[in-house]
Amino acid sequence: MRTTINSTIKGKAYEYACVLAIKELVTPIRPVEIIANSSLEIAEQRYNEITQDEQAEMLRSAKAGMSKIIEMEPKVTDDGDDKLTISLQPDNLAKGGDIRDVLIIRRSIKWEIGVSVKHNHEALKHSRLSMSIDFGKLWLGANCSKDYFTEIKPLFDMLSKEKSCGKLWSQLPSKENAVYVPLLTAFKNEFIKLNSQNEDVTENLIRYLLGSNGKDYYKLIHRNNNIATIIPFNLFGTLNTSGKNKPTITIPNIELPTRIIEFDFKEKSQTTLILTMNNGWSISFRIHNASSKVETSLKFDINLQSKPEKMFYIDVKW
């Protein structure tokens, strides 16, 4: 639990470091306004909770990453001396698909870009499965069947009973065989069924995982090995626009997947499914218990296993 708390603190602190970095990089060129809101206040508090050495590292990392993003987005600095606005978004917007943490805005030309900020992790989502969660509706735009919920009901009835007894996951005889494998199997089979019955399931999955609100963005990842990683997600073709100057790095549009090639358990694993699709997409779904105590829901770590050739990333040293 302490690791999770520290991770949350550092994630928020890195958001604030990014705000400071953009301000420092852009202020010599144009006025910068930072929107005061509760998200900024929380991020600043978390930044002040870490050590000065950690602050310095985060700021160097954020400046290296944001400098590279500005190379791809010349409108941040060129075309006039109007104001640049920086805003941190509230976390609850992510539930609706907008996973951008930092917005960089020029209202005078009705232009903005967003940055999803991560501290030393790359998970796309931490979605859950439970009796009350219709993953088909939430992720794919197609409701799960009654058969799916009938199949998983005995699993969650058992978990509810064990929870009421105050059991720990470690006290279950075999959580993998008793829970993980049958739940993942039901999830996999329902996903395949939904895909066969509905159009755009694979496309909708990627939009859900990467941010389903129709907004392109950059992901900026702080790493502990003196590297910042930038990944552009240009699904809708709105990144990388020219202003007075052209971008020094070109970002191509990305093709979404249109069909499933394979969806099955990772070799020698009882916890992870691998979904392989066309156009270079592969997604891993690792299920786990997020608490030591038995709960009536389980959490996924969902990661990009492989990506289209056109989707690149840039590592910059800091």
C-alpha atoms as a PDB file:
ATOM      1  CA  MET A   1       0.000   0.000   0.000  1.00  0.00           C
ATOM      2  CA  ARG A   2       2.867   2.380   0.837  1.00  0.00           C
ATOM      3  CA  THR A   3       4.312   1.863  -2.644  1.00  0.00           C
ATOM      4  CA  THR A   4       0.969   2.881  -4.172  1.00  0.00           C
ATOM      5  CA  ILE A   5       0.832   6.011  -1.999  1.00  0.00           C
ATOM      6  CA  ASN A   6       4.377   7.007  -2.961  1.00  0.00           C
ATOM      7  CA  SER A   7       3.603   6.373  -6.619  1.00  0.00           C
ATOM      8  CA  THR A   8       0.532   8.609  -6.446  1.00  0.00           C
ATOM      9  CA  ILE A   9       2.478  11.390  -4.734  1.00  0.00           C
ATOM     10  CA  LYS A  10       5.264  11.262  -7.309  1.00  0.00           C
ATOM     11  CA  GLY A  11       2.819  11.105 -10.202  1.00  0.00           C
ATOM     12  CA  LYS A  12       1.125  14.295  -9.036  1.00  0.00           C
ATOM     13  CA  ALA A  13       4.472  15.916  -8.263  1.00  0.00           C
ATOM     14  CA  TYR A  14       5.625  15.200 -11.812  1.00  0.00           C
ATOM     15  CA  GLU A  15       2.517  16.926 -13.178  1.00  0.00           C
ATOM     16  CA  TYR A  16       3.536  20.046 -11.268  1.00  0.00           C
ATOM     17  CA  ALA A  17       7.120  19.741 -12.499  1.00  0.00           C
ATOM     18  CA  CYS A  18       5.748  19.724 -16.059  1.00  0.00           C
ATOM     19  CA  VAL A  19       3.837  22.946 -15.394  1.00  0.00           C
ATOM     20  CA  LEU A  20       7.002  24.571 -14.048  1.00  0.00           C
ATOM     21  CA  ALA A  21       9.015  23.288 -17.006  1.00  0.00           C
ATOM     22  CA  ILE A  22       6.620  24.685 -19.621  1.00  0.00           C
ATOM     23  CA  LYS A  23       6.546  28.039 -17.834  1.00  0.00           C
ATOM     24  CA  GLU A  24      10.341  28.204 -17.710  1.00  0.00           C
ATOM     25  CA  LEU A  25      10.735  27.216 -21.371  1.00  0.00           C
ATOM     26  CA  VAL A  26       8.057  29.508 -22.797  1.00  0.00           C
ATOM     27  CA  THR A  27       8.171  32.640 -20.605  1.00  0.00           C
ATOM     28  CA  PRO A  28      11.176  34.137 -22.461  1.00  0.00           C
ATOM     29  CA  ILE A  29       9.126  33.925 -25.676  1.00  0.00           C
ATOM     30  CA  ARG A  30       5.525  34.778 -24.698  1.00  0.00           C
ATOM     31  CA  PRO A  31       3.413  35.441 -21.582  1.00  0.00           C
ATOM     32  CA  VAL A  32       2.376  32.330 -19.666  1.00  0.00           C
ATOM     33  CA  GLU A  33      -0.765  31.965 -17.551  1.00  0.00           C
ATOM     34  CA  ILE A  34      -1.174  29.037 -15.132  1.00  0.00           C
ATOM     35  CA  ILE A  35      -4.808  28.286 -14.275  1.00  0.00           C
ATOM     36  CA  ALA A  36      -5.317  28.095 -10.513  1.00  0.00           C
ATOM     37  CA  ASN A  37      -7.612  25.189  -9.662  1.00  0.00           C
ATOM     38  CA  SER A  38      -7.823  22.296  -7.211  1.00  0.00           C
ATOM     39  CA  SER A  39      -5.774  20.029  -9.509  1.00  0.00           C
ATOM     40  CA  LEU A  40      -2.892  22.505  -9.537  1.00  0.00           C
ATOM     41  CA  GLU A  41      -3.142  22.942  -5.769  1.00  0.00           C
ATOM     42  CA  ILE A  42      -2.938  19.174  -5.145  1.00  0.00           C
ATOM     43  CA  ALA A  43      -0.042  18.753  -7.589  1.00  0.00           C
ATOM     44  CA  GLU A  44       1.887  21.594  -5.940  1.00  0.00           C
ATOM     45  CA  GLN A  45       1.302  20.067  -2.501  1.00  0.00           C
ATOM     46  CA  ARG A  46       2.645  16.711  -3.691  1.00  0.00           C
ATOM     47  CA  TYR A  47       5.648  18.419  -5.300  1.00  0.00           C
ATOM     48  CA  ASN A  48       6.443  20.066  -1.972  1.00  0.00           C
ATOM     49  CA  GLU A  49       6.214  16.693  -0.182  1.00  0.00           C
ATOM     50  CA  ILE A  50       9.119  15.139  -2.096  1.00  0.00           C
ATOM     51  CA  THR A  51      12.772  15.900  -1.430  1.00  0.00           C
ATOM     52  CA  GLN A  52      14.637  18.752  -3.114  1.00  0.00           C
ATOM     53  CA  ASP A  53      16.776  16.234  -4.975  1.00  0.00           C
ATOM     54  CA  GLU A  54      13.610  14.551  -6.309  1.00  0.00           C
ATOM     55  CA  GLN A  55      12.218  17.939  -7.300  1.00  0.00           C
ATOM     56  CA  ALA A  56      15.401  18.767  -9.210  1.00  0.00           C
ATOM     57  CA  GLU A  57      15.343  15.413 -11.009  1.00  0.00           C
ATOM     58  CA  MET A  58      11.691  15.787 -11.974  1.00  0.00           C
ATOM     59  CA  LEU A  59      12.230  19.305 -13.241  1.00  0.00           C
ATOM     60  CA  ARG A  60      15.176  18.235 -15.401  1.00  0.00           C
ATOM     61  CA  SER A  61      13.124  15.338 -16.747  1.00  0.00           C
ATOM     62  CA  ALA A  62      10.084  17.532 -17.440  1.00  0.00           C
ATOM     63  CA  LYS A  63      12.168  20.193 -19.192  1.00  0.00           C
ATOM     64  CA  ALA A  64      13.827  17.579 -21.409  1.00  0.00           C
ATOM     65  CA  GLY A  65      10.473  16.030 -22.324  1.00  0.00           C
ATOM     66  CA  MET A  66       8.617  19.296 -22.865  1.00  0.00           C
ATOM     67  CA  SER A  67      11.467  20.700 -24.969  1.00  0.00           C
ATOM     68  CA  LYS A  68      11.106  17.749 -27.325  1.00  0.00           C
ATOM     69  CA  ILE A  69       7.319  18.144 -27.452  1.00  0.00           C
ATOM     70  CA  ILE A  70       7.775  21.829 -28.381  1.00  0.00           C
ATOM     71  CA  GLU A  71       9.954  20.703 -31.296  1.00  0.00           C
ATOM     72  CA  MET A  72       6.953  18.712 -32.527  1.00  0.00           C
ATOM     73  CA  GLU A  73       4.493  21.512 -31.708  1.00  0.00           C
ATOM     74  CA  PRO A  74       5.956  24.843 -32.903  1.00  0.00           C
ATOM     75  CA  LYS A  75       2.693  26.665 -32.166  1.00  0.00           C
ATOM     76  CA  VAL A  76       3.710  26.604 -28.502  1.00  0.00           C
ATOM     77  CA  THR A  77       6.318  29.262 -29.177  1.00  0.00           C
ATOM     78  CA  ASP A  78       5.823  30.900 -32.602  1.00  0.00           C
ATOM     79  CA  ASP A  79       3.249  33.148 -34.330  1.00  0.00           C
ATOM     80  CA  GLY A  80       2.777  36.256 -32.230  1.00  0.00           C
ATOM     81  CA  ASP A  81       3.147  37.270 -28.605  1.00  0.00           C
ATOM     82  CA  ASP A  82      -0.280  36.236 -27.296  1.00  0.00           C
ATOM     83  CA  LYS A  83      -0.665  34.398 -23.987  1.00  0.00           C
ATOM     84  CA  LEU A  84      -0.041  30.665 -23.495  1.00  0.00           C
ATOM     85  CA  THR A  85      -2.280  29.046 -20.879  1.00  0.00           C
ATOM     86  CA  ILE A  86      -1.353  25.934 -18.853  1.00  0.00           C
ATOM     87  CA  SER A  87      -4.019  23.943 -17.033  1.00  0.00           C
ATOM     88  CA  LEU A  88      -4.050  20.712 -15.031  1.00  0.00           C
ATOM     89  CA  GLN A  89      -7.159  18.614 -15.520  1.00  0.00           C
ATOM     90  CA  PRO A  90      -9.066  16.891 -12.679  1.00  0.00           C
ATOM     91  CA  ASP A  91      -8.612  13.114 -12.410  1.00  0.00           C
ATOM     92  CA  ASN A  92     -12.318  12.375 -12.780  1.00  0.00           C
ATOM     93  CA  LEU A  93     -12.217  13.339 -16.466  1.00  0.00           C
ATOM     94  CA  ALA A  94     -10.270  10.134 -17.128  1.00  0.00           C
ATOM     95  CA  LYS A  95     -13.443   8.145 -16.386  1.00  0.00           C
ATOM     96  CA  GLY A  96     -15.005   9.749 -19.444  1.00  0.00           C
ATOM     97  CA  GLY A  97     -11.976   8.987 -21.591  1.00  0.00           C
ATOM     98  CA  ASP A  98      -9.947  12.186 -21.347  1.00  0.00           C
ATOM     99  CA  ILE A  99      -6.655  11.002 -19.879  1.00  0.00           C
ATOM    100  CA  ARG A 100      -4.717  14.193 -20.591  1.00  0.00           C
ATOM    101  CA  ASP A 101      -3.213  15.655 -17.413  1.00  0.00           C
ATOM    102  CA  VAL A 102      -1.669  18.875 -18.743  1.00  0.00           C
ATOM    103  CA  LEU A 103      -3.332  21.151 -21.282  1.00  0.00           C
ATOM    104  CA  ILE A 104      -1.266  23.694 -23.214  1.00  0.00           C
ATOM    105  CA  ILE A 105      -3.618  26.257 -24.764  1.00  0.00           C
ATOM    106  CA  ARG A 106      -3.508  29.313 -27.006  1.00  0.00           C
ATOM    107  CA  ARG A 107      -7.024  30.667 -26.893  1.00  0.00           C
ATOM    108  CA  SER A 108      -6.338  33.443 -29.406  1.00  0.00           C
ATOM    109  CA  ILE A 109      -5.920  30.871 -32.204  1.00  0.00           C
ATOM    110  CA  LYS A 110      -8.264  28.233 -30.682  1.00  0.00           C
ATOM    111  CA  TRP A 111      -5.460  25.681 -30.365  1.00  0.00           C
ATOM    112  CA  GLU A 112      -4.430  23.253 -27.662  1.00  0.00           C
ATOM    113  CA  ILE A 113      -2.450  20.089 -27.054  1.00  0.00           C
ATOM    114  CA  GLY A 114      -2.592  17.705 -24.131  1.00  0.00           C
ATOM    115  CA  VAL A 115       0.024  15.666 -22.288  1.00  0.00           C
ATOM    116  CA  SER A 116      -0.601  12.515 -20.249  1.00  0.00           C
ATOM    117  CA  VAL A 117       2.062  12.459 -17.539  1.00  0.00           C
ATOM    118  CA  LYS A 118       3.369   9.223 -16.000  1.00  0.00           C
ATOM    119  CA  HIS A 119       5.987   8.640 -13.312  1.00  0.00           C
ATOM    120  CA  ASN A 120       7.936   5.472 -14.035  1.00  0.00           C
ATOM    121  CA  HIS A 121       5.064   3.356 -15.387  1.00  0.00           C
ATOM    122  CA  GLU A 122       3.371   2.825 -18.730  1.00  0.00           C
ATOM    123  CA  ALA A 123       0.059   1.104 -18.001  1.00  0.00           C
ATOM    124  CA  LEU A 124      -2.700   2.280 -20.318  1.00  0.00           C
ATOM    125  CA  LYS A 125      -5.538   1.563 -17.896  1.00  0.00           C
ATOM    126  CA  HIS A 126      -6.266  -0.086 -14.550  1.00  0.00           C
ATOM    127  CA  SER A 127      -9.819  -1.153 -15.406  1.00  0.00           C
ATOM    128  CA  ARG A 128     -11.762  -3.604 -13.238  1.00  0.00           C
ATOM    129  CA  LEU A 129     -14.054  -6.583 -13.692  1.00  0.00           C
ATOM    130  CA  SER A 130     -16.978  -7.252 -11.346  1.00  0.00           C
ATOM    131  CA  MET A 131     -20.623  -8.371 -11.369  1.00  0.00           C
ATOM    132  CA  SER A 132     -21.764  -4.754 -11.751  1.00  0.00           C
ATOM    133  CA  ILE A 133     -19.297  -3.723 -14.485  1.00  0.00           C
ATOM    134  CA  ASP A 134     -20.391  -4.123 -18.091  1.00  0.00           C
ATOM    135  CA  PHE A 135     -16.972  -3.897 -19.747  1.00  0.00           C
ATOM    136  CA  GLY A 136     -18.582  -4.219 -23.188  1.00  0.00           C
ATOM    137  CA  LYS A 137     -20.687  -1.103 -22.687  1.00  0.00           C
ATOM    138  CA  LEU A 138     -17.919   0.909 -21.008  1.00  0.00           C
ATOM    139  CA  TRP A 139     -15.040  -0.099 -23.266  1.00  0.00           C
ATOM    140  CA  LEU A 140     -16.490  -1.175 -26.580  1.00  0.00           C
ATOM    141  CA  GLY A 141     -19.892   0.439 -27.017  1.00  0.00           C
ATOM    142  CA  ALA A 142     -21.657  -2.952 -27.008  1.00  0.00           C
ATOM    143  CA  ASN A 143     -23.412  -4.440 -23.969  1.00  0.00           C
ATOM    144  CA  CYS A 144     -22.190  -7.713 -22.492  1.00  0.00           C
ATOM    145  CA  SER A 145     -24.626 -10.620 -22.746  1.00  0.00           C
ATOM    146  CA  LYS A 146     -26.683 -12.124 -19.935  1.00  0.00           C
ATOM    147  CA  ASP A 147     -24.748 -15.349 -20.492  1.00  0.00           C
ATOM    148  CA  TYR A 148     -21.501 -13.579 -19.505  1.00  0.00           C
ATOM    149  CA  PHE A 149     -22.918 -12.345 -16.215  1.00  0.00           C
ATOM    150  CA  THR A 150     -24.483 -15.757 -15.533  1.00  0.00           C
ATOM    151  CA  GLU A 151     -21.082 -17.381 -16.074  1.00  0.00           C
ATOM    152  CA  ILE A 152     -19.147 -15.079 -13.741  1.00  0.00           C
ATOM    153  CA  LYS A 153     -21.812 -14.912 -11.005  1.00  0.00           C
ATOM    154  CA  PRO A 154     -20.616 -18.009  -9.070  1.00  0.00           C
ATOM    155  CA  LEU A 155     -17.082 -16.555  -8.962  1.00  0.00           C
ATOM    156  CA  PHE A 156     -18.191 -13.268  -7.467  1.00  0.00           C
ATOM    157  CA  ASP A 157     -20.694 -14.947  -5.141  1.00  0.00           C
ATOM    158  CA  MET A 158     -17.772 -16.947  -3.768  1.00  0.00           C
ATOM    159  CA  LEU A 159     -15.643 -13.804  -3.427  1.00  0.00           C
ATOM    160  CA  SER A 160     -18.480 -12.005  -1.669  1.00  0.00           C
ATOM    161  CA  LYS A 161     -18.746 -14.863   0.839  1.00  0.00           C
ATOM    162  CA  GLU A 162     -14.990 -14.905   1.468  1.00  0.00           C
ATOM    163  CA  LYS A 163     -14.953 -11.106   1.837  1.00  0.00           C
ATOM    164  CA  SER A 164     -17.717 -11.261   4.451  1.00  0.00           C
ATOM    165  CA  CYS A 165     -15.496 -13.655   6.433  1.00  0.00           C
ATOM    166  CA  GLY A 166     -12.586 -11.191   6.265  1.00  0.00           C
ATOM    167  CA  LYS A 167     -10.440 -13.575   4.218  1.00  0.00           C
ATOM    168  CA  LEU A 168      -7.134 -12.605   2.615  1.00  0.00           C
ATOM    169  CA  TRP A 169      -6.316 -13.584  -0.953  1.00  0.00           C
ATOM    170  CA  SER A 170      -3.393 -15.574   0.411  1.00  0.00           C
ATOM    171  CA  GLN A 171      -5.854 -17.726   2.359  1.00  0.00           C
ATOM    172  CA  LEU A 172      -7.657 -18.954  -0.743  1.00  0.00           C
ATOM    173  CA  PRO A 173      -6.541 -22.454  -1.816  1.00  0.00           C
ATOM    174  CA  SER A 174      -5.711 -21.341  -5.373  1.00  0.00           C
ATOM    175  CA  LYS A 175      -6.808 -17.909  -6.487  1.00  0.00           C
ATOM    176  CA  GLU A 176      -5.378 -18.531  -9.968  1.00  0.00           C
ATOM    177  CA  ASN A 177      -7.338 -21.721 -10.686  1.00  0.00           C
ATOM    178  CA  ALA A 178     -10.407 -20.767  -8.661  1.00  0.00           C
ATOM    179  CA  VAL A 179     -10.783 -17.149  -9.823  1.00  0.00           C
ATOM    180  CA  TYR A 180      -8.270 -15.757 -12.323  1.00  0.00           C
ATOM    181  CA  VAL A 181      -8.421 -18.426 -15.034  1.00  0.00           C
ATOM    182  CA  PRO A 182     -12.235 -18.845 -15.165  1.00  0.00           C
ATOM    183  CA  LEU A 183     -12.804 -15.072 -15.013  1.00  0.00           C
ATOM    184  CA  LEU A 184     -10.254 -14.357 -17.744  1.00  0.00           C
ATOM    185  CA  THR A 185     -11.720 -17.154 -19.857  1.00  0.00           C
ATOM    186  CA  ALA A 186     -15.227 -15.702 -19.533  1.00  0.00           C
ATOM    187  CA  PHE A 187     -13.881 -12.223 -20.341  1.00  0.00           C
ATOM    188  CA  LYS A 188     -11.984 -13.479 -23.397  1.00  0.00           C
ATOM    189  CA  ASN A 189     -14.952 -15.447 -24.772  1.00  0.00           C
ATOM    190  CA  GLU A 190     -17.338 -12.523 -24.277  1.00  0.00           C
ATOM    191  CA  PHE A 191     -14.926 -10.130 -25.965  1.00  0.00           C
ATOM    192  CA  ILE A 192     -14.654 -12.433 -28.980  1.00  0.00           C
ATOM    193  CA  LYS A 193     -18.448 -12.796 -29.107  1.00  0.00           C
ATOM    194  CA  LEU A 194     -18.970  -9.020 -28.974  1.00  0.00           C
ATOM    195  CA  ASN A 195     -16.419  -8.574 -31.731  1.00  0.00           C
ATOM    196  CA  SER A 196     -18.284 -11.057 -33.952  1.00  0.00           C
ATOM    197  CA  GLN A 197     -21.609  -9.316 -33.365  1.00  0.00           C
ATOM    198  CA  ASN A 198     -20.603  -5.656 -33.555  1.00  0.00           C
ATOM    199  CA  GLU A 199     -18.554  -3.409 -35.805  1.00  0.00           C
ATOM    200  CA  ASP A 200     -15.660  -1.282 -34.562  1.00  0.00           C
ATOM    201  CA  VAL A 201     -15.027  -3.289 -31.359  1.00  0.00           C
ATOM    202  CA  THR A 202     -11.254  -3.343 -31.890  1.00  0.00           C
ATOM    203  CA  GLU A 203     -11.172   0.350 -32.826  1.00  0.00           C
ATOM    204  CA  ASN A 204     -13.317   1.257 -29.832  1.00  0.00           C
ATOM    205  CA  LEU A 205     -11.014  -0.723 -27.539  1.00  0.00           C
ATOM    206  CA  ILE A 206      -7.983   1.293 -28.641  1.00  0.00           C
ATOM    207  CA  ARG A 207      -9.888   4.552 -28.321  1.00  0.00           C
ATOM    208  CA  TYR A 208     -10.943   3.516 -24.806  1.00  0.00           C
ATOM    209  CA  LEU A 209      -7.427   2.509 -23.773  1.00  0.00           C
ATOM    210  CA  LEU A 210      -5.650   5.489 -25.284  1.00  0.00           C
ATOM    211  CA  GLY A 211      -8.318   8.088 -24.516  1.00  0.00           C
ATOM    212  CA  SER A 212     -11.762   7.892 -26.070  1.00  0.00           C
ATOM    213  CA  ASN A 213     -12.687  11.566 -26.066  1.00  0.00           C
ATOM    214  CA  GLY A 214     -11.466  12.202 -29.606  1.00  0.00           C
ATOM    215  CA  LYS A 215      -8.394  14.158 -28.528  1.00  0.00           C
ATOM    216  CA  ASP A 216      -4.847  13.345 -29.600  1.00  0.00           C
ATOM    217  CA  TYR A 217      -2.105  13.789 -27.024  1.00  0.00           C
ATOM    218  CA  TYR A 218       1.461  13.082 -25.979  1.00  0.00           C
ATOM    219  CA  LYS A 219       2.426  10.691 -23.228  1.00  0.00           C
ATOM    220  CA  LEU A 220       5.443  11.822 -21.198  1.00  0.00           C
ATOM    221  CA  ILE A 221       7.017   9.192 -18.937  1.00  0.00           C
ATOM    222  CA  HIS A 222       9.614  10.035 -16.295  1.00  0.00           C
ATOM    223  CA  ARG A 223      12.043   7.171 -15.804  1.00  0.00           C
ATOM    224  CA  ASN A 224      14.521   6.640 -12.991  1.00  0.00           C
ATOM    225  CA  ASN A 225      17.407   5.976 -15.395  1.00  0.00           C
ATOM    226  CA  ASN A 226      17.771   9.641 -16.410  1.00  0.00           C
ATOM    227  CA  ILE A 227      15.474   9.155 -19.399  1.00  0.00           C
ATOM    228  CA  ALA A 228      12.191  10.833 -20.302  1.00  0.00           C
ATOM    229  CA  THR A 229      10.102   9.028 -22.917  1.00  0.00           C
ATOM    230  CA  ILE A 230       7.681  10.837 -25.220  1.00  0.00           C
ATOM    231  CA  ILE A 231       5.027   8.884 -27.164  1.00  0.00           C
ATOM    232  CA  PRO A 232       2.699  10.772 -29.556  1.00  0.00           C
ATOM    233  CA  PHE A 233      -0.786   9.315 -29.951  1.00  0.00           C
ATOM    234  CA  ASN A 234      -1.975  10.886 -33.200  1.00  0.00           C
ATOM    235  CA  LEU A 235      -5.156   8.895 -33.858  1.00  0.00           C
ATOM    236  CA  PHE A 236      -7.174  11.825 -35.203  1.00  0.00           C
ATOM    237  CA  GLY A 237      -4.416  13.756 -36.988  1.00  0.00           C
ATOM    238  CA  THR A 238      -4.515  16.872 -34.790  1.00  0.00           C
ATOM    239  CA  LEU A 239      -0.939  16.802 -33.480  1.00  0.00           C
ATOM    240  CA  ASN A 240       2.156  18.237 -35.138  1.00  0.00           C
ATOM    241  CA  THR A 241       0.545  21.218 -36.897  1.00  0.00           C
ATOM    242  CA  SER A 242       2.707  23.950 -38.415  1.00  0.00           C
ATOM    243  CA  GLY A 243       2.610  27.538 -37.300  1.00  0.00           C
ATOM    244  CA  LYS A 244       5.077  30.121 -38.521  1.00  0.00           C
ATOM    245  CA  ASN A 245       7.593  27.292 -38.410  1.00  0.00           C
ATOM    246  CA  LYS A 246       7.251  23.653 -39.347  1.00  0.00           C
ATOM    247  CA  PRO A 247       7.769  20.881 -36.784  1.00  0.00           C
ATOM    248  CA  THR A 248      11.305  19.495 -36.737  1.00  0.00           C
ATOM    249  CA  ILE A 249       9.889  15.993 -36.165  1.00  0.00           C
ATOM    250  CA  THR A 250       7.032  14.615 -38.251  1.00  0.00           C
ATOM    251  CA  ILE A 251       4.322  12.512 -36.569  1.00  0.00           C
ATOM    252  CA  PRO A 252       2.350  10.239 -38.909  1.00  0.00           C
ATOM    253  CA  ASN A 253      -1.306   9.330 -38.411  1.00  0.00           C
ATOM    254  CA  ILE A 254      -1.900   5.899 -36.894  1.00  0.00           C
ATOM    255  CA  GLU A 255      -4.156   3.192 -38.297  1.00  0.00           C
ATOM    256  CA  LEU A 256      -6.479   1.577 -35.766  1.00  0.00           C
ATOM    257  CA  PRO A 257      -7.009  -2.211 -35.681  1.00  0.00           C
ATOM    258  CA  THR A 258      -9.972  -3.662 -37.567  1.00  0.00           C
ATOM    259  CA  ARG A 259      -9.811  -7.367 -36.685  1.00  0.00           C
ATOM    260  CA  ILE A 260      -8.551  -9.850 -34.074  1.00  0.00           C
ATOM    261  CA  ILE A 261      -5.738 -12.197 -35.056  1.00  0.00           C
ATOM    262  CA  GLU A 262      -5.511 -14.071 -31.727  1.00  0.00           C
ATOM    263  CA  PHE A 263      -6.760 -13.660 -28.170  1.00  0.00           C
ATOM    264  CA  ASP A 264      -5.484 -16.177 -25.616  1.00  0.00           C
ATOM    265  CA  PHE A 265      -3.513 -16.696 -22.430  1.00  0.00           C
ATOM    266  CA  LYS A 266       0.111 -15.668 -22.412  1.00  0.00           C
ATOM    267  CA  GLU A 267       2.296 -18.761 -22.530  1.00  0.00           C
ATOM    268  CA  LYS A 268       2.772 -20.333 -19.079  1.00  0.00           C
ATOM    269  CA  SER A 269       0.589 -17.665 -17.444  1.00  0.00           C
ATOM    270  CA  GLN A 270      -2.643 -17.914 -15.459  1.00  0.00           C
ATOM    271  CA  THR A 271      -2.971 -14.164 -14.997  1.00  0.00           C
ATOM    272  CA  THR A 272      -2.427 -12.587 -18.423  1.00  0.00           C
ATOM    273  CA  LEU A 273      -4.234 -12.544 -21.754  1.00  0.00           C
ATOM    274  CA  ILE A 274      -2.636 -11.291 -24.975  1.00  0.00           C
ATOM    275  CA  LEU A 275      -4.863  -9.728 -27.628  1.00  0.00           C
ATOM    276  CA  THR A 276      -3.161  -9.585 -31.035  1.00  0.00           C
ATOM    277  CA  MET A 277      -4.812  -7.507 -33.759  1.00  0.00           C
ATOM    278  CA  ASN A 278      -3.945  -6.311 -37.247  1.00  0.00           C
ATOM    279  CA  ASN A 279      -2.111  -3.085 -38.100  1.00  0.00           C
ATOM    280  CA  GLY A 280       0.554  -3.921 -35.520  1.00  0.00           C
ATOM    281  CA  TRP A 281      -1.522  -3.743 -32.309  1.00  0.00           C
ATOM    282  CA  SER A 282      -1.104  -6.109 -29.375  1.00  0.00           C
ATOM    283  CA  ILE A 283      -2.514  -5.573 -25.861  1.00  0.00           C
ATOM    284  CA  SER A 284      -1.783  -7.454 -22.624  1.00  0.00           C
ATOM    285  CA  PHE A 285      -4.405  -7.810 -19.876  1.00  0.00           C
ATOM    286  CA  ARG A 286      -2.887  -8.866 -16.535  1.00  0.00           C
ATOM    287  CA  ILE A 287      -5.435  -9.410 -13.788  1.00  0.00           C
ATOM    288  CA  HIS A 288      -4.577  -9.147 -10.103  1.00  0.00           C
ATOM    289  CA  ASN A 289      -6.001  -8.461  -6.674  1.00  0.00           C
ATOM    290  CA  ALA A 290      -5.365  -4.817  -5.829  1.00  0.00           C
ATOM    291  CA  SER A 291      -5.643  -5.446  -2.069  1.00  0.00           C
ATOM    292  CA  SER A 292      -4.413  -8.126   0.295  1.00  0.00           C
ATOM    293  CA  LYS A 293      -8.025  -8.603   1.433  1.00  0.00           C
ATOM    294  CA  VAL A 294     -10.509 -10.401  -0.790  1.00  0.00           C
ATOM    295  CA  GLU A 295     -12.634  -7.954  -2.792  1.00  0.00           C
ATOM    296  CA  THR A 296     -15.604  -8.395  -5.109  1.00  0.00           C
ATOM    297  CA  SER A 297     -13.763  -6.881  -8.074  1.00  0.00           C
ATOM    298  CA  LEU A 298     -10.413  -7.514  -9.726  1.00  0.00           C
ATOM    299  CA  LYS A 299      -8.114  -5.052 -11.402  1.00  0.00           C
ATOM    300  CA  PHE A 300      -6.391  -5.192 -14.783  1.00  0.00           C
ATOM    301  CA  ASP A 301      -2.997  -3.800 -15.671  1.00  0.00           C
ATOM    302  CA  ILE A 302      -3.516  -3.169 -19.390  1.00  0.00           C
ATOM    303  CA  ASN A 303      -0.408  -2.483 -21.421  1.00  0.00           C
ATOM    304  CA  LEU A 304       0.600  -1.937 -25.016  1.00  0.00           C
ATOM    305  CA  GLN A 305       2.465  -5.123 -25.931  1.00  0.00           C
ATOM    306  CA  SER A 306       3.272  -4.052 -29.496  1.00  0.00           C
ATOM    307  CA  LYS A 307       2.321  -1.029 -31.543  1.00  0.00           C
ATOM    308  CA  PRO A 308       2.046   0.012 -35.204  1.00  0.00           C
ATOM    309  CA  GLU A 309       5.315   0.730 -36.989  1.00  0.00           C
ATOM    310  CA  LYS A 310       4.289   4.355 -37.463  1.00  0.00           C
ATOM    311  CA  MET A 311       3.838   4.845 -33.725  1.00  0.00           C
ATOM    312  CA  PHE A 312       7.240   5.863 -32.433  1.00  0.00           C
ATOM    313  CA  TYR A 313       8.666   6.980 -29.136  1.00  0.00           C
ATOM    314  CA  ILE A 314      11.540   9.288 -28.286  1.00  0.00           C
ATOM    315  CA  ASP A 315      13.889   8.854 -25.327  1.00  0.00           C
ATOM    316  CA  VAL A 316      15.651  12.019 -24.164  1.00  0.00           C
ATOM    317  CA  LYS A 317      18.329  12.170 -21.480  1.00  0.00           C
ATOM    318  CA  TRP A 318      17.983  14.554 -18.588  1.00  0.00           C
END
